[in-house]
Structure formats: structure tokens, C-alpha cells
């Protein structure tokens, strides 16, 4: 199997986007190509057709390669859940929870076996693999137990690209320092350097590039300028680079930036709407009066509910709803909209139960069994009969509160054919569902946005539009075009 490895001098240097771009470039050349990331730590996850969890970034890279995502593309997924612990997912399935200090002692050998067996499986079906590293390959305190950077590159004898984010500053020092800390056999695999996120006049870099190439003996393959091409983020640090749209947008939507926010890739389709300004709000900030508030997914629902209370945001949300606001909760955010969240086995922490926001007559019980599946259904609201595709990833079962139903105060309607997927109240001010990817559905998204627009007296937008995946395809093509224009991949591409 032919291979390329992409590593970065730091986190967020551009590894994921470059991997996706190379996958699309090779796919356009006719190669059967697959992405691969041995180990990923992220709360943005995707459900494969087999019902396994992988990092959402690897799903995007699979789509870039024009293939279906599968668990072998990301055999180890770690999902942080606070208190220095993470849920461990191997080949798509949860196998346990571990402390950071115990992870490598308990899972290193199992993890490496999952990585090598996944690569062997992929080699049977694809003729090229584009591998992505994680963080930096030069963390000397972690290198002996690093499963996903140069260990994979050496295993595959893969020509490796080192990418650096010049927008952070110190790019030349980052490159030189990284190279100095690699072992000789690892350094020999570095066949090219890419400078990413450059703003300014390209000629100003020429003397620095000449010095770097002479010093390192490694060519600089290109300088990629800053472009506003939005791809799904890998983790919440990427939110720091998100810029809100101009105040000229018609609709303002706020997303709660929960401490354990998960799957905020759900909102990329809203961010891509030109008439929508999407802003992520820290819990210590003033909510104001946006057109809608979204409470996103959470890895630990009760802990984030406690954060809403402690910060005063829970009260702000209550005041906002009382003044006529609209709230939409997804997954953990949906659970928060109910009456009570029960955790009898204390899977999330010390609390056995916690009072939720009491906006919908629902109770949630956190369960050890995780529901992970792709779903197809039809909508009831905001318009009946719209086809919906999405996926579930949650621990917990949400049902109508028995104590409230006895008093006939249940006044909610199912959002979809399957009532277990979500509800909306009669006034359509509180919406909640378990369905990740619901906003990817173009007609449904526009219909929901038109509900918000009509409340403001704004004209409706056309609803006969394609689903977001077509826009994502255009973004992937634009990304590949950008890399092809500014980077010479010849030294690492197959002959």
C-alpha cells in the first residue's frame, strides 16, 4: 500500500484539512484512496453505516476521497469527559473509560493492534492511504507511547509532510525544533514542509524559505494563503478561529459554548447560510435576544447543566423564553430541556439526578448502553413529510415525564415519525431532538429558518435546495484546488 503521512508542528496546524485535500486530489486522479488517523481525541463524532463511531474529521476525509466512512479509518477514538478521563472507542465500539495516566498502560498494545489490523484491512481494498498525525510528533515526554504520528509513518515507511501554521507566529522555530527532536529514521521520512495560513506578500517569505531549505535539507513544498473555506472542526479549539458573519445577516442564532460541547459540526450548515449570523457564546457572557438559541450536544449532560446554573446562563435562558425566545436543543442539549436528568449508576459523576431546565415535559435516564445508529425518517414539524437523514450518538433514554402526564400537562408533539427522536412544544418555542445532522437536510433547515424569519416579518427563503453535503462537496473541491495551486506535492505523490 502506498502512503503519505501528514504531521504538524502543533495542534491546528492544518493536518486535517491537508489530509482531506490530498484525498480529493488523489481521488480526482483516479486513485482508490482512503484516509487514516490511528488515534483521535475529539468530541465531534460520526456514525458509520456499520453503527461505529469515528472522528467527524475522518468522515469528511472519506467523503473527500469519494468513499464511505468506516471504522478502520479511525480505529481509536478518545472522547474526553472531564476529570482527566476519556471514553475509549476502538474500531467504533466503546470498550471502557480510562484516566489519562492509565490509558497507555491499559490500552497501548490493544490500540497498536487495532491500528495495524485496520491498515492491513484497508490495504486489501485501497491502493493509497493518506495518514494524519495528531498534535505534534515531537512531544518528547509522550513519544515512547505515541500511537499515531511517526510510529505509523515508520510502520508504513511513508513519505511525510510537516505542516506549520505561520499565523500563530514562530513558524521557522516550530519547524526547526520539530525536526531536531525527531529520531534520525523519523527525520529521514520528512520529505517536505508546508507553510499554512499565510497572510501577506508571498515574496517577503522568500529569504526565510531559502534559509530553511538550506538548513534542514528539506524542500518547502508550498505556502498556502489564508482562505475562508469552512470545513468541519475537529474539536472546540477550532471555534476560536470562527468569525461571526456581518451584522447585515437577517437572522442571529446563538450556540451555547458548553464546557463539554460535542458534535458542534451539526451547525456548519447554518453557518453556511448567508442570511444567518451564527455565534458561539461563552456561559459567562450576556445572552441578549437572538432569534434562536441552540443548546448543543454534550459529553456530560449533568456537568454542563450544573455549569449553566452556576454561570447564571440557565436563568438567562428562562428569561429569554419568557420574553418569547426560541430554543433548540440537540442530543445532550435536548436532555437539558426536560424536567430531570437521572444518572442512577453515576456514569457522569457524583450526581444521581439533577434538575434540568424544565422547558419540556420530559425525563432522561443516563444508561450505560450507548445508542449509535444512522437514521432516516420524515418530519412532522415545522412541515410534515420532509425526508430527514441523520444519526444518533447518545447515552440516555428520554421519555415523557410520568409525573406531569398524570396531570394532563403534556403539550408537546413529535418532531419526526419516530417520537423518540424529538419533540416541539405547542407554541413552537422549544425544540429538541437526538438527531445529529438534522440541519444538513436542506429543505428542513430552510423551513425551520423560515419559521424564525416569519416571526420577524421577513420573507421566506426558497426551500427547494440541495442538502448540505453538496455544499460540502464544493468546499472539498475548493480546498483541493487551493492546495494544487500553491503546493507542489510531487516529492510525496506516487510515481
Protein backbone atom coordinates (compact mmCIF):
# COMPACT_ATOMS: atom_id res chain seq x y z
CA UNK A 1 0.00 0.00 0.00
CA UNK A 2 1.34 3.43 -0.99
CA UNK A 3 1.11 6.00 1.78
CA UNK A 4 1.60 9.66 2.70
CA UNK A 5 1.84 10.86 6.28
CA UNK A 6 0.81 14.38 7.35
CA UNK A 7 2.14 15.65 10.67
CA UNK A 8 2.08 19.14 12.16
CA UNK A 9 4.37 21.21 14.31
CA UNK A 10 1.43 21.92 16.64
CA UNK A 11 -2.24 21.15 17.05
CA UNK A 12 -4.39 23.02 14.49
CA UNK A 13 -1.52 23.50 12.08
CA UNK A 14 -3.72 22.24 9.25
CA UNK A 15 -3.23 18.46 9.25
CA UNK A 16 -6.91 17.57 8.85
CA UNK A 17 -7.58 19.99 6.03
CA UNK A 18 -4.39 18.99 4.16
CA UNK A 19 -5.25 15.30 4.52
CA UNK A 20 -8.71 15.98 3.10
CA UNK A 21 -7.24 18.00 0.23
CA UNK A 22 -4.75 15.27 -0.70
CA UNK A 23 -7.52 12.66 -0.56
CA UNK A 24 -9.60 14.69 -3.01
CA UNK A 25 -6.60 15.38 -5.29
CA UNK A 26 -5.72 11.69 -5.48
CA UNK A 27 -9.35 10.67 -5.96
CA UNK A 28 -9.64 13.10 -8.88
CA UNK A 29 -6.54 11.44 -10.37
CA UNK A 30 -8.29 8.08 -10.26
CA UNK A 31 -6.61 6.54 -7.22
CA UNK A 32 -8.56 4.34 -4.80
CA UNK A 33 -7.56 6.32 -1.73
CA UNK A 34 -8.52 6.17 1.94
CA UNK A 35 -7.81 8.49 4.88
CA UNK A 36 -6.45 7.17 8.15
CA UNK A 37 -5.89 8.54 11.63
CA UNK A 38 -4.74 5.91 14.08
CA UNK A 39 -5.91 7.73 17.20
CA UNK A 40 -8.10 10.78 17.50
CA UNK A 41 -9.20 12.70 20.60
CA UNK A 42 -12.36 14.60 19.74
CA UNK A 43 -15.97 15.12 20.73
CA UNK A 44 -17.09 15.66 17.15
CA UNK A 45 -18.02 12.16 16.03
CA UNK A 46 -19.77 10.49 13.11
CA UNK A 47 -21.67 7.20 12.88
CA UNK A 48 -20.63 4.88 10.06
CA UNK A 49 -23.16 2.67 8.22
CA UNK A 50 -22.00 -0.24 10.40
CA UNK A 51 -23.02 1.71 13.52
CA UNK A 52 -19.50 2.54 14.68
CA UNK A 53 -18.14 5.88 15.91
CA UNK A 54 -15.21 7.64 14.29
CA UNK A 55 -13.93 11.20 14.41
CA UNK A 56 -16.01 13.50 12.21
CA UNK A 57 -12.84 14.78 10.53
CA UNK A 58 -12.14 11.28 9.21
CA UNK A 59 -15.67 11.08 7.83
CA UNK A 60 -15.05 14.33 5.97
CA UNK A 61 -11.75 12.97 4.65
CA UNK A 62 -13.55 9.84 3.45
CA UNK A 63 -16.05 11.99 1.58
CA UNK A 64 -13.09 13.88 0.13
CA UNK A 65 -11.78 10.54 -1.14
CA UNK A 66 -15.27 9.84 -2.54
CA UNK A 67 -15.75 6.76 -0.38
CA UNK A 68 -17.99 5.73 2.53
CA UNK A 69 -16.63 6.35 6.07
CA UNK A 70 -15.72 3.20 8.01
CA UNK A 71 -14.30 2.43 11.44
CA UNK A 72 -10.89 1.29 10.15
CA UNK A 73 -10.18 4.89 9.09
CA UNK A 74 -10.05 5.90 12.76
CA UNK A 75 -9.57 2.76 14.85
CA UNK A 76 -9.09 4.61 18.16
CA UNK A 77 -11.35 7.48 19.22
CA UNK A 78 -10.98 9.05 22.66
CA UNK A 79 -13.84 11.23 23.89
CA UNK A 80 -12.86 13.42 26.86
CA UNK A 81 -15.49 13.62 29.58
CA UNK A 82 -13.83 15.69 32.31
CA UNK A 83 -11.78 14.86 35.41
CA UNK A 84 -8.89 13.77 33.16
CA UNK A 85 -10.89 10.77 31.92
CA UNK A 86 -11.92 9.72 28.43
CA UNK A 87 -14.26 7.21 26.90
CA UNK A 88 -12.26 4.73 24.82
CA UNK A 89 -13.72 3.66 21.48
CA UNK A 90 -11.85 1.03 19.46
CA UNK A 91 -12.99 0.11 15.97
CA UNK A 92 -16.19 2.02 16.51
CA UNK A 93 -17.28 0.47 19.82
CA UNK A 94 -17.00 1.70 23.40
CA UNK A 95 -14.71 -0.61 25.36
CA UNK A 96 -14.20 1.39 28.53
CA UNK A 97 -13.33 4.60 30.32
CA UNK A 98 -9.84 5.48 31.41
CA UNK A 99 -7.81 8.10 33.19
CA UNK A 100 -5.13 9.79 31.13
CA UNK A 101 -2.42 8.40 33.41
CA UNK A 102 -3.67 4.83 32.91
CA UNK A 103 -4.54 4.88 29.21
CA UNK A 104 -1.26 3.72 27.73
CA UNK A 105 -0.70 1.08 30.40
CA UNK A 106 -4.10 -0.45 29.73
CA UNK A 107 -4.68 0.23 26.04
CA UNK A 108 -1.34 0.73 24.24
CA UNK A 109 -0.91 -2.83 22.96
CA UNK A 110 -4.60 -3.20 22.16
CA UNK A 111 -4.55 0.15 20.39
CA UNK A 112 -1.50 -0.65 18.26
CA UNK A 113 -3.06 -3.96 17.24
CA UNK A 114 -6.23 -2.09 16.21
CA UNK A 115 -4.13 0.35 14.16
CA UNK A 116 -2.08 -2.28 12.34
CA UNK A 117 -5.03 -4.59 11.67
CA UNK A 118 -7.06 -1.65 10.35
CA UNK A 119 -4.25 -0.69 7.98
CA UNK A 120 -4.00 -4.29 6.79
CA UNK A 121 -7.73 -4.36 6.14
CA UNK A 122 -7.65 -1.08 4.24
CA UNK A 123 -4.70 -2.31 2.17
CA UNK A 124 -6.90 -5.07 0.78
CA UNK A 125 -9.35 -2.56 -0.70
CA UNK A 126 -7.40 0.62 -1.43
CA UNK A 127 -4.16 1.32 -3.20
CA UNK A 128 -3.28 4.51 -1.32
CA UNK A 129 -3.63 5.73 2.26
CA UNK A 130 -3.26 9.33 3.45
CA UNK A 131 -2.48 9.28 7.16
CA UNK A 132 -2.95 12.14 9.58
CA UNK A 133 -0.98 12.56 12.78
CA UNK A 134 -2.19 14.15 16.00
CA UNK A 135 -0.83 17.18 17.83
CA UNK A 136 2.94 17.23 17.37
CA UNK A 137 5.25 14.30 16.56
CA UNK A 138 7.95 15.82 18.79
CA UNK A 139 6.38 15.64 22.25
CA UNK A 140 9.44 14.01 23.81
CA UNK A 141 7.62 13.12 27.04
CA UNK A 142 4.99 11.19 25.06
CA UNK A 143 6.90 9.82 22.04
CA UNK A 144 7.56 6.40 23.57
CA UNK A 145 3.81 5.81 23.74
CA UNK A 146 2.63 7.84 20.75
CA UNK A 147 0.38 5.64 18.63
CA UNK A 148 -0.47 7.94 15.79
CA UNK A 149 2.43 10.05 14.48
CA UNK A 150 5.86 8.81 13.41
CA UNK A 151 5.22 5.29 14.71
CA UNK A 152 2.64 4.93 11.93
CA UNK A 153 4.89 6.69 9.40
CA UNK A 154 7.77 4.32 10.18
CA UNK A 155 5.47 1.28 10.09
CA UNK A 156 4.35 2.26 6.57
CA UNK A 157 7.71 3.76 5.53
CA UNK A 158 5.58 6.70 4.41
CA UNK A 159 6.97 9.91 2.91
CA UNK A 160 5.88 12.54 5.41
CA UNK A 161 4.81 16.18 5.13
CA UNK A 162 5.40 18.56 8.04
CA UNK A 163 2.87 21.41 8.07
CA UNK A 164 3.20 24.58 10.16
CA UNK A 165 0.71 27.37 10.95
CA UNK A 166 2.54 30.64 10.27
CA UNK A 167 -0.44 32.69 11.51
CA UNK A 168 0.49 31.69 15.06
CA UNK A 169 3.99 33.16 14.71
CA UNK A 170 7.32 31.41 15.24
CA UNK A 171 6.84 29.13 12.24
CA UNK A 172 10.55 28.68 11.45
CA UNK A 173 11.34 27.88 15.07
CA UNK A 174 8.47 25.39 15.16
CA UNK A 175 9.77 23.60 12.09
CA UNK A 176 13.43 23.53 13.17
CA UNK A 177 12.55 22.47 16.72
CA UNK A 178 10.29 19.68 15.50
CA UNK A 179 12.95 18.33 13.14
CA UNK A 180 15.61 18.48 15.84
CA UNK A 181 13.51 16.38 18.22
CA UNK A 182 12.79 13.59 15.74
CA UNK A 183 14.84 10.43 15.68
CA UNK A 184 17.13 10.08 12.60
CA UNK A 185 14.93 7.43 10.97
CA UNK A 186 11.86 9.61 11.59
CA UNK A 187 13.51 12.75 10.24
CA UNK A 188 14.56 10.88 7.11
CA UNK A 189 10.90 10.33 6.32
CA UNK A 190 10.15 14.08 6.24
CA UNK A 191 10.16 14.82 2.51
CA UNK A 192 8.58 18.26 2.51
CA UNK A 193 7.45 21.25 4.58
CA UNK A 194 4.26 23.24 4.02
CA UNK A 195 3.67 26.71 5.46
CA UNK A 196 -0.03 27.21 6.12
CA UNK A 197 -2.38 30.16 6.80
CA UNK A 198 -0.11 32.85 5.36
CA UNK A 199 -1.43 36.40 5.23
CA UNK A 200 0.58 38.97 3.35
CA UNK A 201 3.01 39.34 0.47
CA UNK A 202 4.49 35.99 -0.54
CA UNK A 203 7.86 37.45 -1.61
CA UNK A 204 8.55 38.53 1.98
CA UNK A 205 8.95 34.85 2.88
CA UNK A 206 11.48 34.01 0.17
CA UNK A 207 14.64 34.63 2.19
CA UNK A 208 13.28 32.67 5.14
CA UNK A 209 12.27 29.75 2.94
CA UNK A 210 15.71 29.71 1.29
CA UNK A 211 17.38 29.65 4.71
CA UNK A 212 15.06 26.87 5.97
CA UNK A 213 15.65 24.65 2.95
CA UNK A 214 19.43 25.09 3.24
CA UNK A 215 19.42 24.49 6.98
CA UNK A 216 17.09 21.50 7.02
CA UNK A 217 17.92 20.00 3.66
CA UNK A 218 14.20 19.51 3.10
CA UNK A 219 12.19 21.35 0.41
CA UNK A 220 9.36 23.72 1.23
CA UNK A 221 6.58 22.32 -0.94
CA UNK A 222 4.46 25.44 -0.80
CA UNK A 223 2.92 28.32 1.08
CA UNK A 224 -0.86 28.11 1.47
CA UNK A 225 -2.55 31.51 1.85
CA UNK A 226 -5.35 32.07 4.31
CA UNK A 227 -8.71 31.23 2.75
CA UNK A 228 -12.15 31.27 4.31
CA UNK A 229 -13.02 27.70 3.34
CA UNK A 230 -15.06 26.21 6.17
CA UNK A 231 -14.58 22.51 6.87
CA UNK A 232 -15.97 20.77 9.95
CA UNK A 233 -13.86 21.43 13.03
CA UNK A 234 -12.13 18.61 14.87
CA UNK A 235 -12.57 19.98 18.39
CA UNK A 236 -13.72 23.06 20.28
CA UNK A 237 -10.37 24.87 19.94
CA UNK A 238 -11.31 25.42 16.30
CA UNK A 239 -14.17 27.62 17.46
CA UNK A 240 -11.60 30.26 18.36
CA UNK A 241 -10.96 30.78 14.65
CA UNK A 242 -14.62 31.04 13.71
CA UNK A 243 -15.68 34.53 12.76
CA UNK A 244 -19.27 35.66 13.05
CA UNK A 245 -20.94 36.91 9.93
CA UNK A 246 -21.66 40.56 9.31
CA UNK A 247 -24.44 42.26 11.23
CA UNK A 248 -26.25 42.59 7.91
CA UNK A 249 -27.46 39.00 8.27
CA UNK A 250 -31.21 38.68 8.74
CA UNK A 251 -31.23 36.07 11.49
CA UNK A 252 -28.99 35.85 14.57
CA UNK A 253 -28.55 32.40 16.13
CA UNK A 254 -26.51 31.79 19.28
CA UNK A 255 -24.96 28.43 20.18
CA UNK A 256 -24.13 27.80 23.83
CA UNK A 257 -20.44 27.01 24.15
CA UNK A 258 -20.79 24.34 26.80
CA UNK A 259 -17.68 23.20 28.70
CA UNK A 260 -18.10 19.70 27.22
CA UNK A 261 -19.59 20.73 23.87
CA UNK A 262 -19.86 17.85 21.38
CA UNK A 263 -20.78 17.49 17.72
CA UNK A 264 -20.97 21.21 17.01
CA UNK A 265 -20.35 20.22 13.37
CA UNK A 266 -24.16 19.99 13.42
CA UNK A 267 -24.26 23.74 12.91
CA UNK A 268 -21.95 24.14 9.92
CA UNK A 269 -24.98 24.16 7.55
CA UNK A 270 -26.42 27.11 9.50
CA UNK A 271 -23.06 28.86 9.41
CA UNK A 272 -23.06 28.45 5.62
CA UNK A 273 -26.41 30.23 5.26
CA UNK A 274 -25.68 33.77 4.04
CA UNK A 275 -28.71 35.18 5.84
CA UNK A 276 -27.69 33.71 9.21
CA UNK A 277 -25.21 35.03 11.74
CA UNK A 278 -24.08 32.11 13.92
CA UNK A 279 -22.24 32.96 17.13
CA UNK A 280 -20.83 30.72 19.87
CA UNK A 281 -21.46 32.24 23.30
CA UNK A 282 -19.47 31.55 26.46
CA UNK A 283 -21.63 30.89 29.51
CA UNK A 284 -20.36 33.96 31.36
CA UNK A 285 -21.50 36.31 28.58
CA UNK A 286 -24.79 38.15 28.16
CA UNK A 287 -27.31 36.25 26.06
CA UNK A 288 -29.25 39.21 24.74
CA UNK A 289 -32.21 38.46 22.48
CA UNK A 290 -31.16 36.45 19.40
CA UNK A 291 -33.70 34.93 17.03
CA UNK A 292 -32.86 31.47 18.36
CA UNK A 293 -30.59 29.80 20.89
CA UNK A 294 -29.14 26.34 20.32
CA UNK A 295 -28.04 24.13 23.19
CA UNK A 296 -25.67 21.67 21.51
CA UNK A 297 -24.58 18.16 22.31
CA UNK A 298 -22.59 17.47 25.47
CA UNK A 299 -20.36 14.59 26.53
CA UNK A 300 -21.56 15.09 30.13
CA UNK A 301 -25.09 16.45 30.32
CA UNK A 302 -25.35 16.87 34.10
CA UNK A 303 -21.98 18.62 34.42
CA UNK A 304 -22.93 21.08 31.70
CA UNK A 305 -26.34 21.63 33.30
CA UNK A 306 -24.51 22.50 36.50
CA UNK A 307 -22.36 24.94 34.54
CA UNK A 308 -25.47 26.59 33.12
CA UNK A 309 -26.80 27.03 36.66
CA UNK A 310 -23.53 28.20 38.20
CA UNK A 311 -22.84 30.76 35.48
CA UNK A 312 -26.35 32.21 35.59
CA UNK A 313 -26.97 31.22 31.98
CA UNK A 314 -29.83 28.90 33.00
CA UNK A 315 -31.69 31.90 34.38
CA UNK A 316 -30.86 33.94 31.27
CA UNK A 317 -32.36 31.17 29.16
CA UNK A 318 -35.51 31.14 31.29
CA UNK A 319 -35.87 34.90 30.92
CA UNK A 320 -35.25 34.63 27.18
CA UNK A 321 -38.02 32.04 26.73
CA UNK A 322 -40.41 34.05 28.91
CA UNK A 323 -39.82 37.02 26.60
CA UNK A 324 -40.77 34.93 23.55
CA UNK A 325 -37.44 33.42 22.50
CA UNK A 326 -36.86 30.16 20.64
CA UNK A 327 -34.57 27.38 21.91
CA UNK A 328 -33.41 24.28 20.05
CA UNK A 329 -31.61 21.50 21.93
CA UNK A 330 -29.75 18.66 20.23
CA UNK A 331 -28.71 15.42 21.95
CA UNK A 332 -27.34 16.47 25.35
CA UNK A 333 -28.99 19.86 24.79
CA UNK A 334 -32.29 18.04 24.22
CA UNK A 335 -31.85 16.20 27.53
CA UNK A 336 -31.24 19.53 29.28
CA UNK A 337 -34.60 20.89 28.11
CA UNK A 338 -36.52 18.33 30.17
CA UNK A 339 -37.53 18.15 33.82
CA UNK A 340 -34.88 15.90 35.35
CA UNK A 341 -31.79 14.00 34.22
CA UNK A 342 -31.28 10.80 36.19
CA UNK A 343 -27.90 9.05 36.40
CA UNK A 344 -28.59 6.12 38.75
CA UNK A 345 -25.24 4.41 38.03
CA UNK A 346 -23.33 7.72 38.35
CA UNK A 347 -21.82 7.28 34.90
CA UNK A 348 -21.24 11.02 34.55
CA UNK A 349 -20.16 11.87 38.08
CA UNK A 350 -21.39 12.03 41.65
CA UNK A 351 -24.93 13.28 40.94
CA UNK A 352 -27.65 10.61 40.85
CA UNK A 353 -30.14 13.14 39.49
CA UNK A 354 -30.21 16.78 38.56
CA UNK A 355 -32.99 19.23 37.81
CA UNK A 356 -32.96 20.27 34.16
CA UNK A 357 -34.30 23.46 32.53
CA UNK A 358 -37.95 22.29 32.74
CA UNK A 359 -38.89 23.59 29.30
CA UNK A 360 -40.29 20.29 28.00
CA UNK A 361 -42.25 17.65 29.99
CA UNK A 362 -39.55 15.00 29.58
CA UNK A 363 -37.23 12.99 31.82
CA UNK A 364 -33.93 11.40 30.81
CA UNK A 365 -32.20 8.38 32.32
CA UNK A 366 -28.48 8.08 31.55
CA UNK A 367 -27.74 4.48 30.61
CA UNK A 368 -24.53 2.50 30.16
CA UNK A 369 -25.68 1.30 26.76
CA UNK A 370 -24.84 3.77 24.03
CA UNK A 371 -27.26 4.36 21.17
CA UNK A 372 -25.26 4.74 17.95
CA UNK A 373 -27.04 4.49 14.61
CA UNK A 374 -27.77 6.20 11.33
CA UNK A 375 -31.41 7.19 10.92
CA UNK A 376 -33.87 8.02 8.14
CA UNK A 377 -37.27 9.44 8.98
CA UNK A 378 -39.83 12.07 7.97
CA UNK A 379 -40.63 15.35 9.67
CA UNK A 380 -43.85 16.41 11.36
CA UNK A 381 -42.61 19.95 12.15
CA UNK A 382 -42.05 22.63 11.03
CA UNK A 383 -43.55 21.00 7.92
CA UNK A 384 -44.91 17.49 7.59
CA UNK A 385 -43.46 14.95 5.22
CA UNK A 386 -39.93 16.26 4.65
CA UNK A 387 -37.38 13.41 4.36
CA UNK A 388 -34.74 13.54 7.08
CA UNK A 389 -31.38 11.82 7.40
CA UNK A 390 -29.11 11.97 10.44
CA UNK A 391 -27.52 9.89 13.16
CA UNK A 392 -27.80 9.24 16.89
CA UNK A 393 -24.92 9.15 19.39
CA UNK A 394 -26.11 9.30 22.99
CA UNK A 395 -26.19 7.58 26.33
CA UNK A 396 -29.64 8.05 27.76
CA UNK A 397 -33.31 7.42 27.11
CA UNK A 398 -35.71 10.36 27.09
CA UNK A 399 -39.41 9.85 27.73
CA UNK A 400 -42.47 11.93 28.60
CA UNK A 401 -42.43 12.67 32.32
CA UNK A 402 -44.85 10.35 34.08
CA UNK A 403 -45.47 12.78 36.92
CA UNK A 404 -46.54 15.50 34.50
CA UNK A 405 -48.58 13.23 32.23
CA UNK A 406 -50.76 12.24 35.19
CA UNK A 407 -51.81 15.87 35.49
CA UNK A 408 -52.52 16.20 31.75
CA UNK A 409 -49.94 18.91 31.23
CA UNK A 410 -48.21 17.15 28.33
CA UNK A 411 -48.46 19.58 25.42
CA UNK A 412 -45.76 18.55 23.02
CA UNK A 413 -45.71 17.00 19.58
CA UNK A 414 -43.22 14.63 17.93
CA UNK A 415 -40.83 16.31 15.52
CA UNK A 416 -40.49 13.18 13.38
CA UNK A 417 -42.23 9.90 12.59
CA UNK A 418 -40.32 8.31 15.45
CA UNK A 419 -41.35 10.25 18.58
CA UNK A 420 -38.23 9.04 20.41
CA UNK A 421 -36.14 11.30 18.18
CA UNK A 422 -37.52 14.62 19.39
CA UNK A 423 -40.37 16.96 20.33
CA UNK A 424 -41.59 20.53 19.95
CA UNK A 425 -43.99 22.34 22.27
CA UNK A 426 -47.31 23.70 21.05
CA UNK A 427 -46.09 27.28 20.79
CA UNK A 428 -43.06 26.11 18.75
CA UNK A 429 -40.74 27.98 21.07
CA UNK A 430 -38.93 24.90 22.43
CA UNK A 431 -37.50 22.31 20.02
CA UNK A 432 -35.41 19.30 20.94
CA UNK A 433 -34.10 16.20 19.20
CA UNK A 434 -31.49 13.45 19.31
CA UNK A 435 -30.77 13.65 15.59
CA UNK A 436 -27.29 14.88 14.72
CA UNK A 437 -27.07 16.21 11.18
CA UNK A 438 -30.67 17.42 11.14
CA UNK A 439 -29.61 20.81 9.74
CA UNK A 440 -27.79 19.06 6.87
CA UNK A 441 -31.24 18.44 5.37
CA UNK A 442 -31.67 21.48 3.12
CA UNK A 443 -35.45 21.69 2.83
CA UNK A 444 -35.97 21.07 6.56
CA UNK A 445 -33.30 23.60 7.54
CA UNK A 446 -34.75 26.30 5.33
CA UNK A 447 -38.28 25.58 6.58
CA UNK A 448 -37.12 25.97 10.19
CA UNK A 449 -35.25 29.18 9.31
CA UNK A 450 -38.37 30.46 7.57
CA UNK A 451 -40.26 29.91 10.81
CA UNK A 452 -37.76 32.23 12.51
CA UNK A 453 -37.92 34.69 9.62
CA UNK A 454 -41.72 34.81 9.64
CA UNK A 455 -41.64 35.68 13.34
CA UNK A 456 -39.63 38.74 12.32
CA UNK A 457 -41.88 39.58 9.37
CA UNK A 458 -39.16 38.64 6.89
CA UNK A 459 -39.94 36.94 3.57
CA UNK A 460 -39.39 33.21 3.29
CA UNK A 461 -36.33 31.71 1.65
CA UNK A 462 -36.65 29.07 -1.10
CA UNK A 463 -36.86 25.56 0.36
CA UNK A 464 -36.22 23.59 -2.81
CA UNK A 465 -32.47 23.41 -2.19
CA UNK A 466 -29.93 20.59 -2.06
CA UNK A 467 -28.76 19.08 1.19
CA UNK A 468 -25.60 20.42 2.79
CA UNK A 469 -23.48 17.54 1.51
CA UNK A 470 -23.47 19.16 -1.93
CA UNK A 471 -22.10 22.38 -0.46
CA UNK A 472 -19.53 20.32 1.43
CA UNK A 473 -18.50 18.73 -1.86
CA UNK A 474 -17.93 22.18 -3.34
CA UNK A 475 -15.83 23.13 -0.32
CA UNK A 476 -13.71 19.99 -0.69
CA UNK A 477 -13.12 20.75 -4.35
CA UNK A 478 -12.18 24.33 -3.48
CA UNK A 479 -9.78 23.03 -0.84
CA UNK A 480 -8.13 20.65 -3.30
CA UNK A 481 -7.89 23.44 -5.89
CA UNK A 482 -6.19 25.68 -3.32
CA UNK A 483 -3.59 23.07 -2.41
CA UNK A 484 -2.94 22.18 -6.05
CA UNK A 485 -2.39 25.86 -6.85
CA UNK A 486 0.06 26.66 -4.07
CA UNK A 487 1.73 23.34 -3.20
CA UNK A 488 3.96 21.02 -5.22
CA UNK A 489 3.15 17.53 -3.93
CA UNK A 490 5.39 15.80 -6.47
CA UNK A 491 8.03 14.69 -3.90
CA UNK A 492 5.44 12.69 -1.93
CA UNK A 493 2.93 11.59 -4.56
CA UNK A 494 3.11 8.13 -6.15
CA UNK A 495 5.19 7.87 -9.28
